[in-house]
Amino acid sequence: MPMNALVDNLDTDASRHAHTAAWIASVLRRRIAQGLLTPGSKLSEQALSASLGVSRNTLREAFSTLAGESVVVRIPNRGVFVASPGAEEVREIYRVRRMIEPAAVLWGLPTEQDLDEMDLIVARAQEARAAGSVADMADANQALHQAVIRLTGSSSLLVLMERVLAQMRLVFHAMSSAPDFHTHYVQRNVDIVARLRAGQPAEAADVLRGYLDDAEAELLGHLESGGRGTPASGN
């Protein structure tokens, strides 16, 4: 994907006033979470610094932040690439998710507006499943789990979830040879939202815990059976 596509539709005021390494990291992280950058994509310093209007030193700081999050990798004499998570990265992602997502469901206080938003998201997922659109199912899945964390009202947890979602999007690419992966979880997302709407947060949290356990096991089984592509291949 051309580097200038990465800055399309940004808030121009934010970009004008927040040319910091943290802002650049958030831009790249968001683009990865949206599926616009795939595992193995090379991040050109020259193109990105020109597109974002920042120095290469500032861009390198952002790369260091993302490398610490296992979202990008540096390969000596080759450059910076979007990461391809392996089994241990998947385990760490699910350690985090099991701690924060069921808690958000259990102790969050969803408003009617929150529930309406979630209803729309799971309806999109059902439509995507009927249409056989893996990308749209993945998008809806990401949106729902972000909405779950939003129930906490915590901006810090939302930032953490943004990092997790970027890593999850990269993991989803490993499942490209198993296109029915997302279909297994559409109905579970529907069930979670239905239980929240029924005022049953404990039951919703139980469904979500089982969901996360099963998804992790399926992902690890796929990766360990050799279903993953070559990390940072540049392809």
C-alpha atoms as a PDB file:
ATOM      1  CA  MET A   1       0.000   0.000   0.000  1.00  0.00           C
ATOM      2  CA  PRO A   2       1.378   3.482  -0.847  1.00  0.00           C
ATOM      3  CA  MET A   3       2.638   5.273   2.252  1.00  0.00           C
ATOM      4  CA  ASN A   4       0.507   8.361   1.559  1.00  0.00           C
ATOM      5  CA  ALA A   5      -2.589   6.190   1.977  1.00  0.00           C
ATOM      6  CA  LEU A   6      -1.665   5.799   5.618  1.00  0.00           C
ATOM      7  CA  VAL A   7      -2.468   9.416   6.381  1.00  0.00           C
ATOM      8  CA  ASP A   8      -5.758   9.674   4.493  1.00  0.00           C
ATOM      9  CA  ASN A   9      -8.741  10.800   6.557  1.00  0.00           C
ATOM     10  CA  LEU A  10      -6.676  11.865   9.544  1.00  0.00           C
ATOM     11  CA  ASP A  11      -7.830  14.700  11.756  1.00  0.00           C
ATOM     12  CA  THR A  12      -5.749  17.462  10.193  1.00  0.00           C
ATOM     13  CA  ASP A  13      -5.798  19.607  13.348  1.00  0.00           C
ATOM     14  CA  ALA A  14      -4.456  16.679  15.346  1.00  0.00           C
ATOM     15  CA  SER A  15      -1.767  16.009  12.769  1.00  0.00           C
ATOM     16  CA  ARG A  16      -0.772  19.672  12.674  1.00  0.00           C
ATOM     17  CA  HIS A  17      -0.405  20.031  16.439  1.00  0.00           C
ATOM     18  CA  ALA A  18       0.742  16.578  17.499  1.00  0.00           C
ATOM     19  CA  HIS A  19       3.806  15.715  15.447  1.00  0.00           C
ATOM     20  CA  THR A  20       5.280  13.584  18.172  1.00  0.00           C
ATOM     21  CA  ALA A  21       6.566  10.033  18.234  1.00  0.00           C
ATOM     22  CA  ALA A  22       3.507   9.010  20.271  1.00  0.00           C
ATOM     23  CA  TRP A  23       1.141  10.476  17.677  1.00  0.00           C
ATOM     24  CA  ILE A  24       2.966   8.773  14.803  1.00  0.00           C
ATOM     25  CA  ALA A  25       2.892   5.455  16.674  1.00  0.00           C
ATOM     26  CA  SER A  26      -0.862   5.844  17.198  1.00  0.00           C
ATOM     27  CA  VAL A  27      -1.399   6.569  13.478  1.00  0.00           C
ATOM     28  CA  LEU A  28       0.528   3.483  12.397  1.00  0.00           C
ATOM     29  CA  ARG A  29      -1.039   1.342  15.114  1.00  0.00           C
ATOM     30  CA  ARG A  30      -4.523   2.415  14.033  1.00  0.00           C
ATOM     31  CA  ARG A  31      -3.763   1.649  10.388  1.00  0.00           C
ATOM     32  CA  ILE A  32      -2.560  -1.813  11.366  1.00  0.00           C
ATOM     33  CA  ALA A  33      -5.696  -2.377  13.473  1.00  0.00           C
ATOM     34  CA  GLN A  34      -7.774  -1.367  10.439  1.00  0.00           C
ATOM     35  CA  GLY A  35      -6.004  -3.937   8.275  1.00  0.00           C
ATOM     36  CA  LEU A  36      -4.351  -1.335   6.027  1.00  0.00           C
ATOM     37  CA  LEU A  37      -0.878  -2.643   6.806  1.00  0.00           C
ATOM     38  CA  THR A  38      -0.320  -6.380   6.685  1.00  0.00           C
ATOM     39  CA  PRO A  39       2.372  -8.635   8.176  1.00  0.00           C
ATOM     40  CA  GLY A  40       5.637  -8.286   6.305  1.00  0.00           C
ATOM     41  CA  SER A  41       4.881  -4.801   4.924  1.00  0.00           C
ATOM     42  CA  LYS A  42       8.024  -2.673   4.839  1.00  0.00           C
ATOM     43  CA  LEU A  43       7.695   0.766   6.448  1.00  0.00           C
ATOM     44  CA  SER A  44       9.749   3.205   4.407  1.00  0.00           C
ATOM     45  CA  GLU A  45      11.329   5.920   6.538  1.00  0.00           C
ATOM     46  CA  GLN A  46      11.638   8.255   3.567  1.00  0.00           C
ATOM     47  CA  ALA A  47       8.035   7.897   2.408  1.00  0.00           C
ATOM     48  CA  LEU A  48       6.516   8.024   5.890  1.00  0.00           C
ATOM     49  CA  SER A  49       8.524  11.008   7.080  1.00  0.00           C
ATOM     50  CA  ALA A  50       7.488  12.915   3.931  1.00  0.00           C
ATOM     51  CA  SER A  51       3.819  11.900   4.203  1.00  0.00           C
ATOM     52  CA  LEU A  52       3.552  12.696   7.906  1.00  0.00           C
ATOM     53  CA  GLY A  53       5.739  15.770   7.783  1.00  0.00           C
ATOM     54  CA  VAL A  54       8.067  14.618  10.554  1.00  0.00           C
ATOM     55  CA  SER A  55      11.773  14.041  10.921  1.00  0.00           C
ATOM     56  CA  ARG A  56      13.268  10.610  10.529  1.00  0.00           C
ATOM     57  CA  ASN A  57      14.500  10.753  14.117  1.00  0.00           C
ATOM     58  CA  THR A  58      10.943  11.262  15.366  1.00  0.00           C
ATOM     59  CA  LEU A  59       9.735   8.468  13.103  1.00  0.00           C
ATOM     60  CA  ARG A  60      12.420   6.159  14.491  1.00  0.00           C
ATOM     61  CA  GLU A  61      11.196   6.913  18.018  1.00  0.00           C
ATOM     62  CA  ALA A  62       7.718   5.823  16.927  1.00  0.00           C
ATOM     63  CA  PHE A  63       9.152   2.643  15.405  1.00  0.00           C
ATOM     64  CA  SER A  64      10.904   1.902  18.715  1.00  0.00           C
ATOM     65  CA  THR A  65       7.584   2.261  20.547  1.00  0.00           C
ATOM     66  CA  LEU A  66       5.837  -0.093  18.129  1.00  0.00           C
ATOM     67  CA  ALA A  67       8.723  -2.570  18.259  1.00  0.00           C
ATOM     68  CA  GLY A  68       8.315  -2.666  22.037  1.00  0.00           C
ATOM     69  CA  GLU A  69       4.665  -3.582  21.459  1.00  0.00           C
ATOM     70  CA  SER A  70       5.657  -6.360  19.017  1.00  0.00           C
ATOM     71  CA  VAL A  71       3.767  -4.577  16.238  1.00  0.00           C
ATOM     72  CA  VAL A  72       6.826  -3.970  14.055  1.00  0.00           C
ATOM     73  CA  VAL A  73      10.244  -5.613  13.821  1.00  0.00           C
ATOM     74  CA  ARG A  74      13.609  -4.197  12.796  1.00  0.00           C
ATOM     75  CA  ILE A  75      15.704  -6.401  10.539  1.00  0.00           C
ATOM     76  CA  PRO A  76      19.370  -5.336  10.304  1.00  0.00           C
ATOM     77  CA  ASN A  77      20.357  -4.029   6.876  1.00  0.00           C
ATOM     78  CA  ARG A  78      16.780  -4.423   5.622  1.00  0.00           C
ATOM     79  CA  GLY A  79      14.599  -1.987   7.554  1.00  0.00           C
ATOM     80  CA  VAL A  80      11.407  -1.949   9.601  1.00  0.00           C
ATOM     81  CA  PHE A  81       8.568  -4.347   8.845  1.00  0.00           C
ATOM     82  CA  VAL A  82       5.096  -4.958  10.185  1.00  0.00           C
ATOM     83  CA  ALA A  83       5.390  -7.970  12.477  1.00  0.00           C
ATOM     84  CA  SER A  84       4.008 -11.462  11.978  1.00  0.00           C
ATOM     85  CA  PRO A  85       3.023 -12.633  15.481  1.00  0.00           C
ATOM     86  CA  GLY A  86       3.940 -16.156  16.509  1.00  0.00           C
ATOM     87  CA  ALA A  87       2.580 -18.504  19.158  1.00  0.00           C
ATOM     88  CA  GLU A  88       4.078 -16.724  22.180  1.00  0.00           C
ATOM     89  CA  GLU A  89       2.732 -13.366  20.991  1.00  0.00           C
ATOM     90  CA  VAL A  90      -0.712 -14.931  20.657  1.00  0.00           C
ATOM     91  CA  ARG A  91      -0.501 -16.280  24.212  1.00  0.00           C
ATOM     92  CA  GLU A  92       0.439 -12.831  25.530  1.00  0.00           C
ATOM     93  CA  ILE A  93      -2.393 -11.160  23.616  1.00  0.00           C
ATOM     94  CA  TYR A  94      -4.894 -13.545  25.176  1.00  0.00           C
ATOM     95  CA  ARG A  95      -3.416 -13.138  28.666  1.00  0.00           C
ATOM     96  CA  VAL A  96      -4.226  -9.444  28.376  1.00  0.00           C
ATOM     97  CA  ARG A  97      -7.625  -9.982  26.805  1.00  0.00           C
ATOM     98  CA  ARG A  98      -8.717 -12.472  29.481  1.00  0.00           C
ATOM     99  CA  MET A  99      -7.875  -9.958  32.188  1.00  0.00           C
ATOM    100  CA  ILE A 100      -9.604  -6.894  30.766  1.00  0.00           C
ATOM    101  CA  GLU A 101     -12.486  -7.931  28.505  1.00  0.00           C
ATOM    102  CA  PRO A 102     -14.540 -10.122  30.864  1.00  0.00           C
ATOM    103  CA  ALA A 103     -13.989  -7.534  33.615  1.00  0.00           C
ATOM    104  CA  ALA A 104     -15.279  -4.793  31.306  1.00  0.00           C
ATOM    105  CA  VAL A 105     -18.395  -6.844  30.575  1.00  0.00           C
ATOM    106  CA  LEU A 106     -18.910  -7.757  34.226  1.00  0.00           C
ATOM    107  CA  TRP A 107     -18.410  -4.335  35.792  1.00  0.00           C
ATOM    108  CA  GLY A 108     -19.048  -1.912  32.947  1.00  0.00           C
ATOM    109  CA  LEU A 109     -22.257   0.085  32.949  1.00  0.00           C
ATOM    110  CA  PRO A 110     -23.597  -0.020  29.379  1.00  0.00           C
ATOM    111  CA  THR A 111     -25.977   2.730  28.374  1.00  0.00           C
ATOM    112  CA  GLU A 112     -28.778   2.246  25.886  1.00  0.00           C
ATOM    113  CA  GLN A 113     -26.587   3.991  23.343  1.00  0.00           C
ATOM    114  CA  ASP A 114     -23.746   1.515  24.040  1.00  0.00           C
ATOM    115  CA  LEU A 115     -26.083  -1.428  23.541  1.00  0.00           C
ATOM    116  CA  ASP A 116     -27.534   0.040  20.361  1.00  0.00           C
ATOM    117  CA  GLU A 117     -24.014   0.464  18.984  1.00  0.00           C
ATOM    118  CA  MET A 118     -23.183  -3.141  19.847  1.00  0.00           C
ATOM    119  CA  ASP A 119     -26.396  -4.356  18.222  1.00  0.00           C
ATOM    120  CA  LEU A 120     -25.403  -2.572  15.013  1.00  0.00           C
ATOM    121  CA  ILE A 121     -21.920  -4.092  15.118  1.00  0.00           C
ATOM    122  CA  VAL A 122     -23.135  -7.681  15.541  1.00  0.00           C
ATOM    123  CA  ALA A 123     -25.736  -7.106  12.823  1.00  0.00           C
ATOM    124  CA  ARG A 124     -22.879  -6.069  10.511  1.00  0.00           C
ATOM    125  CA  ALA A 125     -21.010  -9.220  11.460  1.00  0.00           C
ATOM    126  CA  GLN A 126     -24.034 -11.384  10.642  1.00  0.00           C
ATOM    127  CA  GLU A 127     -24.424  -9.667   7.277  1.00  0.00           C
ATOM    128  CA  ALA A 128     -20.719 -10.197   6.572  1.00  0.00           C
ATOM    129  CA  ARG A 129     -21.004 -13.872   7.484  1.00  0.00           C
ATOM    130  CA  ALA A 130     -23.971 -14.290   5.143  1.00  0.00           C
ATOM    131  CA  ALA A 131     -21.996 -12.581   2.379  1.00  0.00           C
ATOM    132  CA  GLY A 132     -18.876 -14.658   3.078  1.00  0.00           C
ATOM    133  CA  SER A 133     -16.811 -11.528   3.726  1.00  0.00           C
ATOM    134  CA  VAL A 134     -13.933 -12.460   6.026  1.00  0.00           C
ATOM    135  CA  ALA A 135     -12.566  -8.899   6.059  1.00  0.00           C
ATOM    136  CA  ASP A 136     -15.894  -7.429   7.146  1.00  0.00           C
ATOM    137  CA  MET A 137     -16.325 -10.075   9.846  1.00  0.00           C
ATOM    138  CA  ALA A 138     -12.844  -9.201  11.140  1.00  0.00           C
ATOM    139  CA  ASP A 139     -13.696  -5.494  11.111  1.00  0.00           C
ATOM    140  CA  ALA A 140     -16.906  -6.092  13.058  1.00  0.00           C
ATOM    141  CA  ASN A 141     -15.087  -8.304  15.547  1.00  0.00           C
ATOM    142  CA  GLN A 142     -12.494  -5.598  16.186  1.00  0.00           C
ATOM    143  CA  ALA A 143     -15.206  -2.977  16.604  1.00  0.00           C
ATOM    144  CA  LEU A 144     -17.180  -5.053  19.094  1.00  0.00           C
ATOM    145  CA  HIS A 145     -14.237  -5.792  21.353  1.00  0.00           C
ATOM    146  CA  GLN A 146     -13.260  -2.133  21.317  1.00  0.00           C
ATOM    147  CA  ALA A 147     -16.854  -1.305  22.298  1.00  0.00           C
ATOM    148  CA  VAL A 148     -16.585  -3.796  25.166  1.00  0.00           C
ATOM    149  CA  ILE A 149     -13.571  -1.945  26.580  1.00  0.00           C
ATOM    150  CA  ARG A 150     -15.351   1.367  26.074  1.00  0.00           C
ATOM    151  CA  LEU A 151     -17.869   0.201  28.707  1.00  0.00           C
ATOM    152  CA  THR A 152     -15.166   0.758  31.330  1.00  0.00           C
ATOM    153  CA  GLY A 153     -15.045   4.494  30.654  1.00  0.00           C
ATOM    154  CA  SER A 154     -11.246   4.257  30.924  1.00  0.00           C
ATOM    155  CA  SER A 155      -9.154   6.078  28.337  1.00  0.00           C
ATOM    156  CA  SER A 156      -6.062   4.161  29.522  1.00  0.00           C
ATOM    157  CA  LEU A 157      -7.716   0.811  28.849  1.00  0.00           C
ATOM    158  CA  LEU A 158      -8.847   2.035  25.431  1.00  0.00           C
ATOM    159  CA  VAL A 159      -5.238   2.882  24.563  1.00  0.00           C
ATOM    160  CA  LEU A 160      -4.178  -0.579  25.727  1.00  0.00           C
ATOM    161  CA  MET A 161      -6.953  -2.158  23.653  1.00  0.00           C
ATOM    162  CA  GLU A 162      -5.828  -0.207  20.587  1.00  0.00           C
ATOM    163  CA  ARG A 163      -2.454  -1.924  20.915  1.00  0.00           C
ATOM    164  CA  VAL A 164      -4.099  -5.317  21.390  1.00  0.00           C
ATOM    165  CA  LEU A 165      -6.342  -4.794  18.370  1.00  0.00           C
ATOM    166  CA  ALA A 166      -3.341  -3.923  16.196  1.00  0.00           C
ATOM    167  CA  GLN A 167      -1.676  -7.167  17.282  1.00  0.00           C
ATOM    168  CA  MET A 168      -4.910  -9.103  16.763  1.00  0.00           C
ATOM    169  CA  ARG A 169      -5.270  -7.817  13.209  1.00  0.00           C
ATOM    170  CA  LEU A 170      -1.822  -9.187  12.450  1.00  0.00           C
ATOM    171  CA  VAL A 171      -2.794 -12.523  13.994  1.00  0.00           C
ATOM    172  CA  PHE A 172      -5.944 -12.610  11.840  1.00  0.00           C
ATOM    173  CA  HIS A 173      -3.758 -12.565   8.737  1.00  0.00           C
ATOM    174  CA  ALA A 174      -2.256 -15.853   9.900  1.00  0.00           C
ATOM    175  CA  MET A 175      -5.733 -17.331   9.565  1.00  0.00           C
ATOM    176  CA  SER A 176      -6.080 -16.449   5.894  1.00  0.00           C
ATOM    177  CA  SER A 177      -5.845 -20.141   5.051  1.00  0.00           C
ATOM    178  CA  ALA A 178      -8.732 -20.819   7.459  1.00  0.00           C
ATOM    179  CA  PRO A 179     -11.380 -18.394   6.141  1.00  0.00           C
ATOM    180  CA  ASP A 180     -14.133 -19.841   8.335  1.00  0.00           C
ATOM    181  CA  PHE A 181     -12.277 -18.826  11.532  1.00  0.00           C
ATOM    182  CA  HIS A 182     -14.391 -15.705  12.130  1.00  0.00           C
ATOM    183  CA  THR A 183     -17.685 -17.429  11.432  1.00  0.00           C
ATOM    184  CA  HIS A 184     -17.255 -19.476  14.629  1.00  0.00           C
ATOM    185  CA  TYR A 185     -17.457 -16.385  16.797  1.00  0.00           C
ATOM    186  CA  VAL A 186     -20.157 -14.239  15.197  1.00  0.00           C
ATOM    187  CA  GLN A 187     -22.966 -15.928  17.130  1.00  0.00           C
ATOM    188  CA  ARG A 188     -20.995 -15.754  20.374  1.00  0.00           C
ATOM    189  CA  ASN A 189     -20.668 -12.004  19.938  1.00  0.00           C
ATOM    190  CA  VAL A 190     -24.426 -11.843  19.369  1.00  0.00           C
ATOM    191  CA  ASP A 191     -24.940 -13.836  22.585  1.00  0.00           C
ATOM    192  CA  ILE A 192     -22.677 -11.531  24.601  1.00  0.00           C
ATOM    193  CA  VAL A 193     -24.597  -8.458  23.499  1.00  0.00           C
ATOM    194  CA  ALA A 194     -27.958 -10.153  24.090  1.00  0.00           C
ATOM    195  CA  ARG A 195     -26.971 -11.044  27.664  1.00  0.00           C
ATOM    196  CA  LEU A 196     -25.800  -7.501  28.332  1.00  0.00           C
ATOM    197  CA  ARG A 197     -29.091  -6.158  27.028  1.00  0.00           C
ATOM    198  CA  ALA A 198     -30.931  -8.645  29.270  1.00  0.00           C
ATOM    199  CA  GLY A 199     -29.043  -7.328  32.318  1.00  0.00           C
ATOM    200  CA  GLN A 200     -26.955 -10.488  32.701  1.00  0.00           C
ATOM    201  CA  PRO A 201     -23.332  -9.264  32.866  1.00  0.00           C
ATOM    202  CA  ALA A 202     -22.041 -12.332  34.746  1.00  0.00           C
ATOM    203  CA  GLU A 203     -23.421 -14.648  32.073  1.00  0.00           C
ATOM    204  CA  ALA A 204     -22.019 -12.393  29.329  1.00  0.00           C
ATOM    205  CA  ALA A 205     -18.590 -12.502  30.998  1.00  0.00           C
ATOM    206  CA  ASP A 206     -18.754 -16.314  31.151  1.00  0.00           C
ATOM    207  CA  VAL A 207     -19.559 -16.499  27.433  1.00  0.00           C
ATOM    208  CA  LEU A 208     -16.679 -14.144  26.680  1.00  0.00           C
ATOM    209  CA  ARG A 209     -14.180 -16.127  28.764  1.00  0.00           C
ATOM    210  CA  GLY A 210     -15.064 -19.323  26.927  1.00  0.00           C
ATOM    211  CA  TYR A 211     -14.893 -17.455  23.616  1.00  0.00           C
ATOM    212  CA  LEU A 212     -11.376 -16.185  24.350  1.00  0.00           C
ATOM    213  CA  ASP A 213     -10.152 -19.613  25.464  1.00  0.00           C
ATOM    214  CA  ASP A 214     -11.481 -21.268  22.309  1.00  0.00           C
ATOM    215  CA  ALA A 215     -10.172 -18.562  19.980  1.00  0.00           C
ATOM    216  CA  GLU A 216      -6.697 -18.755  21.498  1.00  0.00           C
ATOM    217  CA  ALA A 217      -6.646 -22.544  21.204  1.00  0.00           C
ATOM    218  CA  GLU A 218      -7.750 -22.381  17.568  1.00  0.00           C
ATOM    219  CA  LEU A 219      -5.162 -19.751  16.681  1.00  0.00           C
ATOM    220  CA  LEU A 220      -2.351 -21.625  18.409  1.00  0.00           C
ATOM    221  CA  GLY A 221      -3.361 -24.871  16.755  1.00  0.00           C
ATOM    222  CA  HIS A 222      -3.262 -23.204  13.366  1.00  0.00           C
ATOM    223  CA  LEU A 223       0.106 -21.520  13.969  1.00  0.00           C
ATOM    224  CA  GLU A 224       1.724 -24.615  15.424  1.00  0.00           C
ATOM    225  CA  SER A 225       0.524 -26.732  12.510  1.00  0.00           C
ATOM    226  CA  GLY A 226       2.480 -24.501  10.139  1.00  0.00           C
ATOM    227  CA  GLY A 227      -0.369 -22.280   8.956  1.00  0.00           C
ATOM    228  CA  ARG A 228       1.643 -19.094   9.426  1.00  0.00           C
ATOM    229  CA  GLY A 229       3.506 -17.277   6.674  1.00  0.00           C
ATOM    230  CA  THR A 230       7.138 -16.225   6.848  1.00  0.00           C
ATOM    231  CA  PRO A 231       7.650 -13.313   9.286  1.00  0.00           C
ATOM    232  CA  ALA A 232       8.528  -9.975   7.736  1.00  0.00           C
ATOM    233  CA  SER A 233       8.965 -11.467   4.315  1.00  0.00           C
ATOM    234  CA  GLY A 234       8.171  -8.187   2.615  1.00  0.00           C
ATOM    235  CA  ASN A 235       5.552  -9.905   0.460  1.00  0.00           C
END
